């Protein structure tokens, strides 16, 4: 993490919110000594967006000259490595010069596209720098590629998926955002989500941006499905987190560690209950203190008596105390 890099990202103006979040997380992964090369999966997880959406925003940032992407290959295996991102504040940075596609004239920004961009934004007028849908010019190979070769219009085998270069797409039966939102609402009941907000001390009528919409509900659903926590345990862990942090969390990601600790405790408690209880040791037998009486009882009974079990001294002691008779001793074979 570099404070210089994140401060530089925060100072950039005119970007759309998601685009700026992508830039900020890129700068958060920047290392002053080694550079910035997080994987697509890591960036998409940090920004809580899909990889395809992430690649669109990376293309916009590259188009406005805030970063440059450099694909990397392993020199031995020739496999694709995480892309190296050169940020605009690094020494010697030069933006990518994107040439419009000669086949279809991609790069001529229609008035409707310009109007859709934020007024005064660095993206305004930069539509001509977006990737060419035919050649994949400017597309991050790591995000949309499956093949080992470099994307090039002259190569017979390209890493660019055919689905991403198809200009005619069938309409979706349901919008992706609405479908994911419906899944989140079905997975986490409104009552449970409301109880969670109450446990965190959040006002439902004035929620921060990270707690609005379906993404936080989907996050809570992952706590339940992936960590194995019940809804009651999630609310209890949220209440316990307020003892350590007086202020409510900015978003559900701030509670990830607390939920992981709660899941770990649950696993340990379950394992502890499954352990067999220790069996109490058998009571120790009392030591024999009166040997003449013990052997006399053995002689007078019908139990097996070895001939060598009773010595002459023990025989005399039993006779002296009247515990046995001489006739009984002869019957038992004791001389």
C-alpha atoms as a PDB file:
ATOM      1  CA  UNK A   1       0.000   0.000   0.000  1.00  0.00           C
ATOM      2  CA  UNK A   2       1.248   3.488  -0.876  1.00  0.00           C
ATOM      3  CA  UNK A   3      -0.291   6.607   0.649  1.00  0.00           C
ATOM      4  CA  UNK A   4       1.148   8.668  -2.190  1.00  0.00           C
ATOM      5  CA  UNK A   5      -0.629   6.458  -4.726  1.00  0.00           C
ATOM      6  CA  UNK A   6      -3.997   6.448  -2.949  1.00  0.00           C
ATOM      7  CA  UNK A   7      -3.849  10.225  -2.396  1.00  0.00           C
ATOM      8  CA  UNK A   8      -3.173  10.655  -6.107  1.00  0.00           C
ATOM      9  CA  UNK A   9      -6.202   8.487  -6.942  1.00  0.00           C
ATOM     10  CA  UNK A  10      -8.459  10.473  -4.618  1.00  0.00           C
ATOM     11  CA  UNK A  11      -7.435  13.745  -6.274  1.00  0.00           C
ATOM     12  CA  UNK A  12      -8.577  12.599  -9.733  1.00  0.00           C
ATOM     13  CA  UNK A  13     -11.802  14.390 -10.678  1.00  0.00           C
ATOM     14  CA  UNK A  14     -14.559  13.773 -13.179  1.00  0.00           C
ATOM     15  CA  UNK A  15     -14.519   9.973 -12.987  1.00  0.00           C
ATOM     16  CA  UNK A  16     -17.631   7.943 -12.460  1.00  0.00           C
ATOM     17  CA  UNK A  17     -17.883   6.403  -8.968  1.00  0.00           C
ATOM     18  CA  UNK A  18     -17.099   2.805  -9.951  1.00  0.00           C
ATOM     19  CA  UNK A  19     -14.241   3.882 -12.210  1.00  0.00           C
ATOM     20  CA  UNK A  20     -12.711   5.860  -9.357  1.00  0.00           C
ATOM     21  CA  UNK A  21     -13.101   2.893  -6.988  1.00  0.00           C
ATOM     22  CA  UNK A  22     -11.197   0.713  -9.459  1.00  0.00           C
ATOM     23  CA  UNK A  23      -8.431   3.333  -9.676  1.00  0.00           C
ATOM     24  CA  UNK A  24      -8.251   3.630  -5.880  1.00  0.00           C
ATOM     25  CA  UNK A  25      -7.939  -0.130  -5.355  1.00  0.00           C
ATOM     26  CA  UNK A  26      -5.247  -0.267  -8.021  1.00  0.00           C
ATOM     27  CA  UNK A  27      -3.304   2.411  -6.152  1.00  0.00           C
ATOM     28  CA  UNK A  28      -3.932   0.583  -2.871  1.00  0.00           C
ATOM     29  CA  UNK A  29      -2.121  -2.425  -4.380  1.00  0.00           C
ATOM     30  CA  UNK A  30       0.794  -0.285  -5.605  1.00  0.00           C
ATOM     31  CA  UNK A  31       4.227  -1.067  -4.137  1.00  0.00           C
ATOM     32  CA  UNK A  32       6.789   1.759  -4.433  1.00  0.00           C
ATOM     33  CA  UNK A  33       9.620  -0.744  -4.953  1.00  0.00           C
ATOM     34  CA  UNK A  34       8.006  -3.353  -7.194  1.00  0.00           C
ATOM     35  CA  UNK A  35       5.033  -1.640  -8.875  1.00  0.00           C
ATOM     36  CA  UNK A  36       1.405  -2.656  -9.251  1.00  0.00           C
ATOM     37  CA  UNK A  37       0.355  -6.038 -10.643  1.00  0.00           C
ATOM     38  CA  UNK A  38      -2.724  -7.449  -8.836  1.00  0.00           C
ATOM     39  CA  UNK A  39      -4.655 -10.239 -10.542  1.00  0.00           C
ATOM     40  CA  UNK A  40      -8.026  -9.656 -12.158  1.00  0.00           C
ATOM     41  CA  UNK A  41      -9.712 -11.863  -9.555  1.00  0.00           C
ATOM     42  CA  UNK A  42      -8.164  -9.846  -6.709  1.00  0.00           C
ATOM     43  CA  UNK A  43      -9.224  -6.482  -8.206  1.00  0.00           C
ATOM     44  CA  UNK A  44     -12.737  -7.720  -8.956  1.00  0.00           C
ATOM     45  CA  UNK A  45     -13.050  -8.991  -5.372  1.00  0.00           C
ATOM     46  CA  UNK A  46     -11.753  -5.724  -3.910  1.00  0.00           C
ATOM     47  CA  UNK A  47     -14.107  -3.611  -6.032  1.00  0.00           C
ATOM     48  CA  UNK A  48     -17.042  -6.064  -5.640  1.00  0.00           C
ATOM     49  CA  UNK A  49     -17.726  -6.117  -9.381  1.00  0.00           C
ATOM     50  CA  UNK A  50     -17.450  -8.736 -12.093  1.00  0.00           C
ATOM     51  CA  UNK A  51     -14.282  -9.189 -14.134  1.00  0.00           C
ATOM     52  CA  UNK A  52     -15.961  -8.018 -17.330  1.00  0.00           C
ATOM     53  CA  UNK A  53     -17.155  -4.816 -15.628  1.00  0.00           C
ATOM     54  CA  UNK A  54     -13.701  -4.337 -14.133  1.00  0.00           C
ATOM     55  CA  UNK A  55     -12.119  -4.626 -17.574  1.00  0.00           C
ATOM     56  CA  UNK A  56     -14.476  -1.950 -18.950  1.00  0.00           C
ATOM     57  CA  UNK A  57     -13.397   0.510 -16.249  1.00  0.00           C
ATOM     58  CA  UNK A  58      -9.720  -0.354 -16.724  1.00  0.00           C
ATOM     59  CA  UNK A  59     -10.134   0.418 -20.416  1.00  0.00           C
ATOM     60  CA  UNK A  60     -11.674   3.799 -19.580  1.00  0.00           C
ATOM     61  CA  UNK A  61      -8.846   4.637 -17.167  1.00  0.00           C
ATOM     62  CA  UNK A  62      -6.300   3.685 -19.801  1.00  0.00           C
ATOM     63  CA  UNK A  63      -8.160   5.712 -22.420  1.00  0.00           C
ATOM     64  CA  UNK A  64      -8.016   8.912 -20.347  1.00  0.00           C
ATOM     65  CA  UNK A  65      -4.319   8.459 -19.648  1.00  0.00           C
ATOM     66  CA  UNK A  66      -4.450   7.548 -15.936  1.00  0.00           C
ATOM     67  CA  UNK A  67      -2.779   4.173 -16.337  1.00  0.00           C
ATOM     68  CA  UNK A  68      -1.142   1.862 -18.850  1.00  0.00           C
ATOM     69  CA  UNK A  69      -1.446  -1.931 -18.893  1.00  0.00           C
ATOM     70  CA  UNK A  70       1.539  -4.087 -19.771  1.00  0.00           C
ATOM     71  CA  UNK A  71       0.751  -7.811 -20.314  1.00  0.00           C
ATOM     72  CA  UNK A  72       3.383 -10.185 -18.917  1.00  0.00           C
ATOM     73  CA  UNK A  73       4.350 -13.773 -19.810  1.00  0.00           C
ATOM     74  CA  UNK A  74       6.324 -16.295 -17.803  1.00  0.00           C
ATOM     75  CA  UNK A  75       9.666 -16.632 -19.645  1.00  0.00           C
ATOM     76  CA  UNK A  76       9.742 -20.390 -19.019  1.00  0.00           C
ATOM     77  CA  UNK A  77       6.152 -21.622 -19.261  1.00  0.00           C
ATOM     78  CA  UNK A  78       4.889 -18.782 -21.510  1.00  0.00           C
ATOM     79  CA  UNK A  79       1.778 -18.614 -19.371  1.00  0.00           C
ATOM     80  CA  UNK A  80      -0.034 -15.348 -18.764  1.00  0.00           C
ATOM     81  CA  UNK A  81       1.061 -13.547 -15.579  1.00  0.00           C
ATOM     82  CA  UNK A  82      -0.910 -10.802 -13.792  1.00  0.00           C
ATOM     83  CA  UNK A  83      -0.887  -7.602 -15.818  1.00  0.00           C
ATOM     84  CA  UNK A  84       1.567  -4.867 -14.797  1.00  0.00           C
ATOM     85  CA  UNK A  85      -0.278  -1.583 -14.234  1.00  0.00           C
ATOM     86  CA  UNK A  86       1.794   1.584 -14.701  1.00  0.00           C
ATOM     87  CA  UNK A  87       0.004   4.441 -12.944  1.00  0.00           C
ATOM     88  CA  UNK A  88      -0.051   8.031 -14.108  1.00  0.00           C
ATOM     89  CA  UNK A  89       2.063   9.420 -11.257  1.00  0.00           C
ATOM     90  CA  UNK A  90       4.984   7.010 -11.794  1.00  0.00           C
ATOM     91  CA  UNK A  91       8.152   8.534 -13.285  1.00  0.00           C
ATOM     92  CA  UNK A  92       8.417   8.152 -17.050  1.00  0.00           C
ATOM     93  CA  UNK A  93       4.719   7.310 -17.473  1.00  0.00           C
ATOM     94  CA  UNK A  94       3.442   7.662 -21.035  1.00  0.00           C
ATOM     95  CA  UNK A  95      -0.230   7.072 -21.874  1.00  0.00           C
ATOM     96  CA  UNK A  96      -1.248   4.560 -24.523  1.00  0.00           C
ATOM     97  CA  UNK A  97      -1.984   6.057 -27.926  1.00  0.00           C
ATOM     98  CA  UNK A  98      -5.008   4.143 -29.215  1.00  0.00           C
ATOM     99  CA  UNK A  99      -5.658   4.289 -32.967  1.00  0.00           C
ATOM    100  CA  UNK A 100      -9.272   3.944 -34.187  1.00  0.00           C
ATOM    101  CA  UNK A 101     -10.110   0.659 -35.911  1.00  0.00           C
ATOM    102  CA  UNK A 102      -9.610   1.036 -39.681  1.00  0.00           C
ATOM    103  CA  UNK A 103     -12.231  -1.588 -40.541  1.00  0.00           C
ATOM    104  CA  UNK A 104     -15.363  -0.126 -38.962  1.00  0.00           C
ATOM    105  CA  UNK A 105     -14.205   3.324 -37.961  1.00  0.00           C
ATOM    106  CA  UNK A 106     -14.510   2.511 -34.290  1.00  0.00           C
ATOM    107  CA  UNK A 107     -13.438   5.574 -32.427  1.00  0.00           C
ATOM    108  CA  UNK A 108     -15.852   8.093 -33.874  1.00  0.00           C
ATOM    109  CA  UNK A 109     -17.739   9.016 -30.765  1.00  0.00           C
ATOM    110  CA  UNK A 110     -21.479   9.546 -31.450  1.00  0.00           C
ATOM    111  CA  UNK A 111     -23.201  12.484 -29.840  1.00  0.00           C
ATOM    112  CA  UNK A 112     -25.286  10.138 -27.721  1.00  0.00           C
ATOM    113  CA  UNK A 113     -22.185   8.557 -26.227  1.00  0.00           C
ATOM    114  CA  UNK A 114     -20.660  11.947 -25.468  1.00  0.00           C
ATOM    115  CA  UNK A 115     -23.859  13.094 -23.804  1.00  0.00           C
ATOM    116  CA  UNK A 116     -23.869  10.010 -21.620  1.00  0.00           C
ATOM    117  CA  UNK A 117     -20.494  10.920 -20.086  1.00  0.00           C
ATOM    118  CA  UNK A 118     -20.104  13.207 -17.137  1.00  0.00           C
ATOM    119  CA  UNK A 119     -19.693  16.851 -18.096  1.00  0.00           C
ATOM    120  CA  UNK A 120     -16.134  18.005 -17.590  1.00  0.00           C
ATOM    121  CA  UNK A 121     -14.972  14.401 -17.080  1.00  0.00           C
ATOM    122  CA  UNK A 122     -11.637  13.183 -18.469  1.00  0.00           C
ATOM    123  CA  UNK A 123     -13.745  10.499 -20.158  1.00  0.00           C
ATOM    124  CA  UNK A 124     -15.549  13.188 -22.124  1.00  0.00           C
ATOM    125  CA  UNK A 125     -14.456  12.795 -25.731  1.00  0.00           C
ATOM    126  CA  UNK A 126     -12.372   9.710 -24.964  1.00  0.00           C
ATOM    127  CA  UNK A 127     -14.812   7.210 -26.445  1.00  0.00           C
ATOM    128  CA  UNK A 128     -12.557   6.870 -29.446  1.00  0.00           C
ATOM    129  CA  UNK A 129      -9.904   5.290 -27.214  1.00  0.00           C
ATOM    130  CA  UNK A 130     -12.051   2.340 -26.126  1.00  0.00           C
ATOM    131  CA  UNK A 131     -11.123  -1.173 -27.360  1.00  0.00           C
ATOM    132  CA  UNK A 132     -12.024  -2.153 -30.902  1.00  0.00           C
ATOM    133  CA  UNK A 133     -14.759  -4.855 -30.840  1.00  0.00           C
ATOM    134  CA  UNK A 134     -13.328  -6.581 -33.932  1.00  0.00           C
ATOM    135  CA  UNK A 135      -9.623  -6.726 -33.150  1.00  0.00           C
ATOM    136  CA  UNK A 136      -9.713  -6.559 -29.354  1.00  0.00           C
ATOM    137  CA  UNK A 137      -7.265  -3.634 -29.531  1.00  0.00           C
ATOM    138  CA  UNK A 138      -6.683  -2.404 -26.004  1.00  0.00           C
ATOM    139  CA  UNK A 139      -8.445  -5.316 -24.294  1.00  0.00           C
ATOM    140  CA  UNK A 140      -6.700  -6.736 -21.224  1.00  0.00           C
ATOM    141  CA  UNK A 141      -5.762 -10.264 -22.277  1.00  0.00           C
ATOM    142  CA  UNK A 142      -5.949 -11.546 -18.737  1.00  0.00           C
ATOM    143  CA  UNK A 143      -9.606 -10.563 -18.386  1.00  0.00           C
ATOM    144  CA  UNK A 144     -11.109 -11.883 -21.619  1.00  0.00           C
ATOM    145  CA  UNK A 145      -8.650 -14.485 -22.911  1.00  0.00           C
ATOM    146  CA  UNK A 146      -8.474 -18.248 -22.786  1.00  0.00           C
ATOM    147  CA  UNK A 147      -5.714 -19.026 -25.323  1.00  0.00           C
ATOM    148  CA  UNK A 148      -1.933 -18.741 -24.888  1.00  0.00           C
ATOM    149  CA  UNK A 149      -1.162 -16.537 -27.931  1.00  0.00           C
ATOM    150  CA  UNK A 150      -1.132 -12.734 -27.976  1.00  0.00           C
ATOM    151  CA  UNK A 151      -4.305 -11.146 -29.446  1.00  0.00           C
ATOM    152  CA  UNK A 152      -3.474  -9.926 -32.939  1.00  0.00           C
ATOM    153  CA  UNK A 153      -5.570  -9.641 -36.130  1.00  0.00           C
ATOM    154  CA  UNK A 154      -2.847 -11.580 -37.977  1.00  0.00           C
ATOM    155  CA  UNK A 155      -2.778 -14.572 -35.639  1.00  0.00           C
ATOM    156  CA  UNK A 156      -4.936 -17.539 -36.588  1.00  0.00           C
ATOM    157  CA  UNK A 157      -5.534 -18.313 -32.916  1.00  0.00           C
ATOM    158  CA  UNK A 158      -6.399 -15.403 -30.657  1.00  0.00           C
ATOM    159  CA  UNK A 159      -6.890 -15.199 -26.931  1.00  0.00           C
ATOM    160  CA  UNK A 160      -9.930 -12.948 -27.411  1.00  0.00           C
ATOM    161  CA  UNK A 161     -13.146 -14.836 -26.919  1.00  0.00           C
ATOM    162  CA  UNK A 162     -15.562 -14.928 -29.819  1.00  0.00           C
ATOM    163  CA  UNK A 163     -18.411 -14.044 -27.491  1.00  0.00           C
ATOM    164  CA  UNK A 164     -16.724 -10.731 -26.617  1.00  0.00           C
ATOM    165  CA  UNK A 165     -16.276  -9.773 -30.277  1.00  0.00           C
ATOM    166  CA  UNK A 166     -19.811 -10.600 -31.327  1.00  0.00           C
ATOM    167  CA  UNK A 167     -21.600  -7.322 -32.036  1.00  0.00           C
ATOM    168  CA  UNK A 168     -25.069  -8.921 -32.118  1.00  0.00           C
ATOM    169  CA  UNK A 169     -26.116 -10.160 -28.701  1.00  0.00           C
ATOM    170  CA  UNK A 170     -29.362 -11.726 -27.622  1.00  0.00           C
ATOM    171  CA  UNK A 171     -31.199  -9.755 -24.942  1.00  0.00           C
ATOM    172  CA  UNK A 172     -31.094 -11.161 -21.439  1.00  0.00           C
ATOM    173  CA  UNK A 173     -34.299 -12.578 -20.045  1.00  0.00           C
ATOM    174  CA  UNK A 174     -33.611 -10.649 -16.832  1.00  0.00           C
ATOM    175  CA  UNK A 175     -31.162  -7.806 -16.228  1.00  0.00           C
ATOM    176  CA  UNK A 176     -28.139  -9.123 -14.350  1.00  0.00           C
ATOM    177  CA  UNK A 177     -28.274  -6.478 -11.620  1.00  0.00           C
ATOM    178  CA  UNK A 178     -31.982  -7.028 -10.985  1.00  0.00           C
ATOM    179  CA  UNK A 179     -31.545 -10.811 -10.934  1.00  0.00           C
ATOM    180  CA  UNK A 180     -28.683 -10.623  -8.419  1.00  0.00           C
ATOM    181  CA  UNK A 181     -30.697  -8.189  -6.317  1.00  0.00           C
ATOM    182  CA  UNK A 182     -33.656 -10.581  -6.315  1.00  0.00           C
ATOM    183  CA  UNK A 183     -31.414 -13.442  -5.214  1.00  0.00           C
ATOM    184  CA  UNK A 184     -30.044 -11.323  -2.371  1.00  0.00           C
ATOM    185  CA  UNK A 185     -33.542 -10.349  -1.211  1.00  0.00           C
ATOM    186  CA  UNK A 186     -34.703 -13.967  -1.309  1.00  0.00           C
ATOM    187  CA  UNK A 187     -31.581 -15.187   0.518  1.00  0.00           C
ATOM    188  CA  UNK A 188     -31.681 -12.665   3.395  1.00  0.00           C
ATOM    189  CA  UNK A 189     -35.149 -11.760   4.733  1.00  0.00           C
ATOM    190  CA  UNK A 190     -35.917  -8.090   5.299  1.00  0.00           C
ATOM    191  CA  UNK A 191     -36.494  -8.755   9.011  1.00  0.00           C
ATOM    192  CA  UNK A 192     -33.045 -10.315   9.434  1.00  0.00           C
ATOM    193  CA  UNK A 193     -31.324  -7.530   7.510  1.00  0.00           C
ATOM    194  CA  UNK A 194     -33.209  -4.955   9.572  1.00  0.00           C
ATOM    195  CA  UNK A 195     -32.164  -6.676  12.816  1.00  0.00           C
ATOM    196  CA  UNK A 196     -28.551  -6.636  11.586  1.00  0.00           C
ATOM    197  CA  UNK A 197     -28.711  -2.904  10.899  1.00  0.00           C
ATOM    198  CA  UNK A 198     -30.211  -2.367  14.353  1.00  0.00           C
ATOM    199  CA  UNK A 199     -27.455  -4.432  15.998  1.00  0.00           C
ATOM    200  CA  UNK A 200     -24.864  -2.269  14.241  1.00  0.00           C
ATOM    201  CA  UNK A 201     -26.567   0.959  15.269  1.00  0.00           C
ATOM    202  CA  UNK A 202     -27.377   2.042  11.705  1.00  0.00           C
ATOM    203  CA  UNK A 203     -30.408   4.165  10.884  1.00  0.00           C
ATOM    204  CA  UNK A 204     -32.424   2.431   8.111  1.00  0.00           C
ATOM    205  CA  UNK A 205     -33.581   5.848   6.855  1.00  0.00           C
ATOM    206  CA  UNK A 206     -30.038   7.242   6.536  1.00  0.00           C
ATOM    207  CA  UNK A 207     -27.851   4.318   5.478  1.00  0.00           C
ATOM    208  CA  UNK A 208     -24.316   4.855   4.143  1.00  0.00           C
ATOM    209  CA  UNK A 209     -23.805   3.989   0.496  1.00  0.00           C
ATOM    210  CA  UNK A 210     -22.093   0.651   1.226  1.00  0.00           C
ATOM    211  CA  UNK A 211     -25.208  -0.586   3.072  1.00  0.00           C
ATOM    212  CA  UNK A 212     -27.707   0.312   0.337  1.00  0.00           C
ATOM    213  CA  UNK A 213     -29.116  -1.954  -2.371  1.00  0.00           C
ATOM    214  CA  UNK A 214     -28.556  -5.676  -2.870  1.00  0.00           C
ATOM    215  CA  UNK A 215     -24.707  -5.956  -2.514  1.00  0.00           C
ATOM    216  CA  UNK A 216     -24.715  -5.853   1.318  1.00  0.00           C
ATOM    217  CA  UNK A 217     -27.490  -8.457   1.430  1.00  0.00           C
ATOM    218  CA  UNK A 218     -25.439 -10.688  -0.864  1.00  0.00           C
ATOM    219  CA  UNK A 219     -22.482 -10.189   1.472  1.00  0.00           C
ATOM    220  CA  UNK A 220     -24.561 -11.276   4.475  1.00  0.00           C
ATOM    221  CA  UNK A 221     -25.775 -14.274   2.471  1.00  0.00           C
ATOM    222  CA  UNK A 222     -22.145 -15.336   1.923  1.00  0.00           C
ATOM    223  CA  UNK A 223     -21.529 -15.199   5.689  1.00  0.00           C
ATOM    224  CA  UNK A 224     -24.381 -17.639   6.108  1.00  0.00           C
ATOM    225  CA  UNK A 225     -23.699 -19.988   3.181  1.00  0.00           C
ATOM    226  CA  UNK A 226     -19.875 -19.990   3.039  1.00  0.00           C
ATOM    227  CA  UNK A 227     -18.999 -19.581   6.745  1.00  0.00           C
ATOM    228  CA  UNK A 228     -21.871 -21.716   8.039  1.00  0.00           C
ATOM    229  CA  UNK A 229     -23.264 -19.067  10.415  1.00  0.00           C
ATOM    230  CA  UNK A 230     -26.939 -18.908  11.228  1.00  0.00           C
ATOM    231  CA  UNK A 231     -28.792 -15.616  10.965  1.00  0.00           C
ATOM    232  CA  UNK A 232     -28.943 -15.371  14.768  1.00  0.00           C
ATOM    233  CA  UNK A 233     -25.180 -15.971  15.022  1.00  0.00           C
ATOM    234  CA  UNK A 234     -24.511 -13.265  12.416  1.00  0.00           C
ATOM    235  CA  UNK A 235     -26.533 -10.736  14.415  1.00  0.00           C
ATOM    236  CA  UNK A 236     -24.819 -11.795  17.672  1.00  0.00           C
ATOM    237  CA  UNK A 237     -21.362 -11.389  16.077  1.00  0.00           C
ATOM    238  CA  UNK A 238     -22.370  -7.959  14.778  1.00  0.00           C
ATOM    239  CA  UNK A 239     -23.463  -6.878  18.265  1.00  0.00           C
ATOM    240  CA  UNK A 240     -20.197  -8.171  19.749  1.00  0.00           C
ATOM    241  CA  UNK A 241     -18.182  -6.207  17.175  1.00  0.00           C
ATOM    242  CA  UNK A 242     -19.625  -2.947  18.524  1.00  0.00           C
ATOM    243  CA  UNK A 243     -17.855  -3.604  21.853  1.00  0.00           C
ATOM    244  CA  UNK A 244     -14.500  -3.318  20.048  1.00  0.00           C
ATOM    245  CA  UNK A 245     -15.526  -0.600  17.587  1.00  0.00           C
ATOM    246  CA  UNK A 246     -17.868   2.080  18.952  1.00  0.00           C
ATOM    247  CA  UNK A 247     -18.599   3.502  15.485  1.00  0.00           C
ATOM    248  CA  UNK A 248     -20.787   1.499  13.054  1.00  0.00           C
ATOM    249  CA  UNK A 249     -18.847  -0.177  10.213  1.00  0.00           C
ATOM    250  CA  UNK A 250     -18.702   1.628   6.870  1.00  0.00           C
ATOM    251  CA  UNK A 251     -19.750  -1.511   4.993  1.00  0.00           C
ATOM    252  CA  UNK A 252     -20.202  -5.285   5.334  1.00  0.00           C
ATOM    253  CA  UNK A 253     -16.566  -5.969   4.362  1.00  0.00           C
ATOM    254  CA  UNK A 254     -15.493  -4.375   7.653  1.00  0.00           C
ATOM    255  CA  UNK A 255     -17.228  -7.246   9.481  1.00  0.00           C
ATOM    256  CA  UNK A 256     -15.582 -10.080   7.531  1.00  0.00           C
ATOM    257  CA  UNK A 257     -12.942 -10.796  10.194  1.00  0.00           C
ATOM    258  CA  UNK A 258     -15.488 -10.736  13.010  1.00  0.00           C
ATOM    259  CA  UNK A 259     -17.661 -13.222  11.123  1.00  0.00           C
ATOM    260  CA  UNK A 260     -14.664 -15.459  10.375  1.00  0.00           C
ATOM    261  CA  UNK A 261     -13.748 -15.503  14.072  1.00  0.00           C
ATOM    262  CA  UNK A 262     -17.341 -16.382  14.977  1.00  0.00           C
ATOM    263  CA  UNK A 263     -17.314 -19.250  12.453  1.00  0.00           C
ATOM    264  CA  UNK A 264     -14.008 -20.518  13.870  1.00  0.00           C
ATOM    265  CA  UNK A 265     -15.384 -20.471  17.411  1.00  0.00           C
ATOM    266  CA  UNK A 266     -18.443 -22.369  16.222  1.00  0.00           C
ATOM    267  CA  UNK A 267     -16.278 -25.094  14.669  1.00  0.00           C
ATOM    268  CA  UNK A 268     -14.178 -25.385  17.838  1.00  0.00           C
ATOM    269  CA  UNK A 269     -17.273 -25.600  20.066  1.00  0.00           C
ATOM    270  CA  UNK A 270     -18.758 -28.313  17.857  1.00  0.00           C
ATOM    271  CA  UNK A 271     -15.526 -30.312  17.966  1.00  0.00           C
ATOM    272  CA  UNK A 272     -15.363 -29.937  21.739  1.00  0.00           C
ATOM    273  CA  UNK A 273     -18.888 -31.283  22.170  1.00  0.00           C
ATOM    274  CA  UNK A 274     -18.140 -34.294  20.000  1.00  0.00           C
ATOM    275  CA  UNK A 275     -15.230 -35.380  22.155  1.00  0.00           C
ATOM    276  CA  UNK A 276     -15.974 -38.373  24.406  1.00  0.00           C
ATOM    277  CA  UNK A 277     -16.208 -37.527  28.122  1.00  0.00           C
ATOM    278  CA  UNK A 278     -13.412 -38.863  30.260  1.00  0.00           C
ATOM    279  CA  UNK A 279     -14.312 -42.085  32.076  1.00  0.00           C
ATOM    280  CA  UNK A 280     -13.798 -41.926  35.831  1.00  0.00           C
ATOM    281  CA  UNK A 281     -11.077 -44.359  36.957  1.00  0.00           C
ATOM    282  CA  UNK A 282     -12.190 -47.483  38.829  1.00  0.00           C
ATOM    283  CA  UNK A 283     -11.895 -47.191  42.598  1.00  0.00           C
ATOM    284  CA  UNK A 284      -8.673 -48.656  43.911  1.00  0.00           C
ATOM    285  CA  UNK A 285      -8.960 -51.888  45.827  1.00  0.00           C
ATOM    286  CA  UNK A 286      -8.289 -51.721  49.527  1.00  0.00           C
ATOM    287  CA  UNK A 287      -4.927 -53.147  50.556  1.00  0.00           C
ATOM    288  CA  UNK A 288      -4.936 -56.409  52.544  1.00  0.00           C
ATOM    289  CA  UNK A 289      -3.869 -55.614  56.072  1.00  0.00           C
ATOM    290  CA  UNK A 290      -4.749 -58.909  57.878  1.00  0.00           C
ATOM    291  CA  UNK A 291      -3.007 -61.703  55.912  1.00  0.00           C
ATOM    292  CA  UNK A 292      -3.831 -64.568  58.358  1.00  0.00           C
ATOM    293  CA  UNK A 293      -7.550 -63.735  58.117  1.00  0.00           C
ATOM    294  CA  UNK A 294      -7.320 -63.486  54.324  1.00  0.00           C
ATOM    295  CA  UNK A 295      -5.692 -66.922  53.931  1.00  0.00           C
ATOM    296  CA  UNK A 296      -7.988 -68.450  56.559  1.00  0.00           C
ATOM    297  CA  UNK A 297     -10.985 -67.371  54.513  1.00  0.00           C
ATOM    298  CA  UNK A 298      -9.392 -68.983  51.466  1.00  0.00           C
ATOM    299  CA  UNK A 299      -8.731 -72.269  53.362  1.00  0.00           C
ATOM    300  CA  UNK A 300     -12.257 -72.475  54.811  1.00  0.00           C
ATOM    301  CA  UNK A 301     -13.846 -71.874  51.388  1.00  0.00           C
ATOM    302  CA  UNK A 302     -14.087 -74.222  48.402  1.00  0.00           C
ATOM    303  CA  UNK A 303     -12.056 -71.975  46.133  1.00  0.00           C
ATOM    304  CA  UNK A 304      -8.898 -73.222  44.482  1.00  0.00           C
ATOM    305  CA  UNK A 305      -5.927 -73.175  46.864  1.00  0.00           C
ATOM    306  CA  UNK A 306      -2.414 -73.851  45.531  1.00  0.00           C
ATOM    307  CA  UNK A 307      -0.398 -76.113  47.820  1.00  0.00           C
ATOM    308  CA  UNK A 308       2.475 -73.629  47.980  1.00  0.00           C
ATOM    309  CA  UNK A 309       0.234 -70.633  48.710  1.00  0.00           C
ATOM    310  CA  UNK A 310       0.478 -70.893  52.499  1.00  0.00           C
ATOM    311  CA  UNK A 311       3.850 -70.961  54.208  1.00  0.00           C
ATOM    312  CA  UNK A 312       4.568 -72.666  57.514  1.00  0.00           C
ATOM    313  CA  UNK A 313       4.676 -69.289  59.269  1.00  0.00           C
ATOM    314  CA  UNK A 314       1.226 -68.362  57.944  1.00  0.00           C
ATOM    315  CA  UNK A 315      -0.125 -71.811  58.918  1.00  0.00           C
ATOM    316  CA  UNK A 316       1.091 -71.430  62.486  1.00  0.00           C
ATOM    317  CA  UNK A 317      -0.354 -67.903  62.711  1.00  0.00           C
ATOM    318  CA  UNK A 318      -3.792 -69.101  61.590  1.00  0.00           C
ATOM    319  CA  UNK A 319      -3.738 -72.018  64.052  1.00  0.00           C
ATOM    320  CA  UNK A 320      -2.568 -69.771  66.912  1.00  0.00           C
ATOM    321  CA  UNK A 321      -5.476 -67.396  66.338  1.00  0.00           C
ATOM    322  CA  UNK A 322      -7.992 -70.227  65.910  1.00  0.00           C
ATOM    323  CA  UNK A 323      -8.936 -69.116  62.427  1.00  0.00           C
ATOM    324  CA  UNK A 324      -8.653 -72.645  60.980  1.00  0.00           C
ATOM    325  CA  UNK A 325      -8.424 -76.195  62.319  1.00  0.00           C
ATOM    326  CA  UNK A 326      -5.634 -78.662  61.687  1.00  0.00           C
ATOM    327  CA  UNK A 327      -8.136 -81.085  60.156  1.00  0.00           C
ATOM    328  CA  UNK A 328      -9.281 -78.418  57.638  1.00  0.00           C
ATOM    329  CA  UNK A 329      -5.693 -77.706  56.727  1.00  0.00           C
ATOM    330  CA  UNK A 330      -5.062 -81.419  56.046  1.00  0.00           C
ATOM    331  CA  UNK A 331      -8.215 -81.557  53.921  1.00  0.00           C
ATOM    332  CA  UNK A 332      -6.904 -78.632  51.846  1.00  0.00           C
ATOM    333  CA  UNK A 333      -3.494 -80.247  51.472  1.00  0.00           C
ATOM    334  CA  UNK A 334      -1.611 -77.882  53.787  1.00  0.00           C
ATOM    335  CA  UNK A 335       0.984 -79.736  55.889  1.00  0.00           C
END
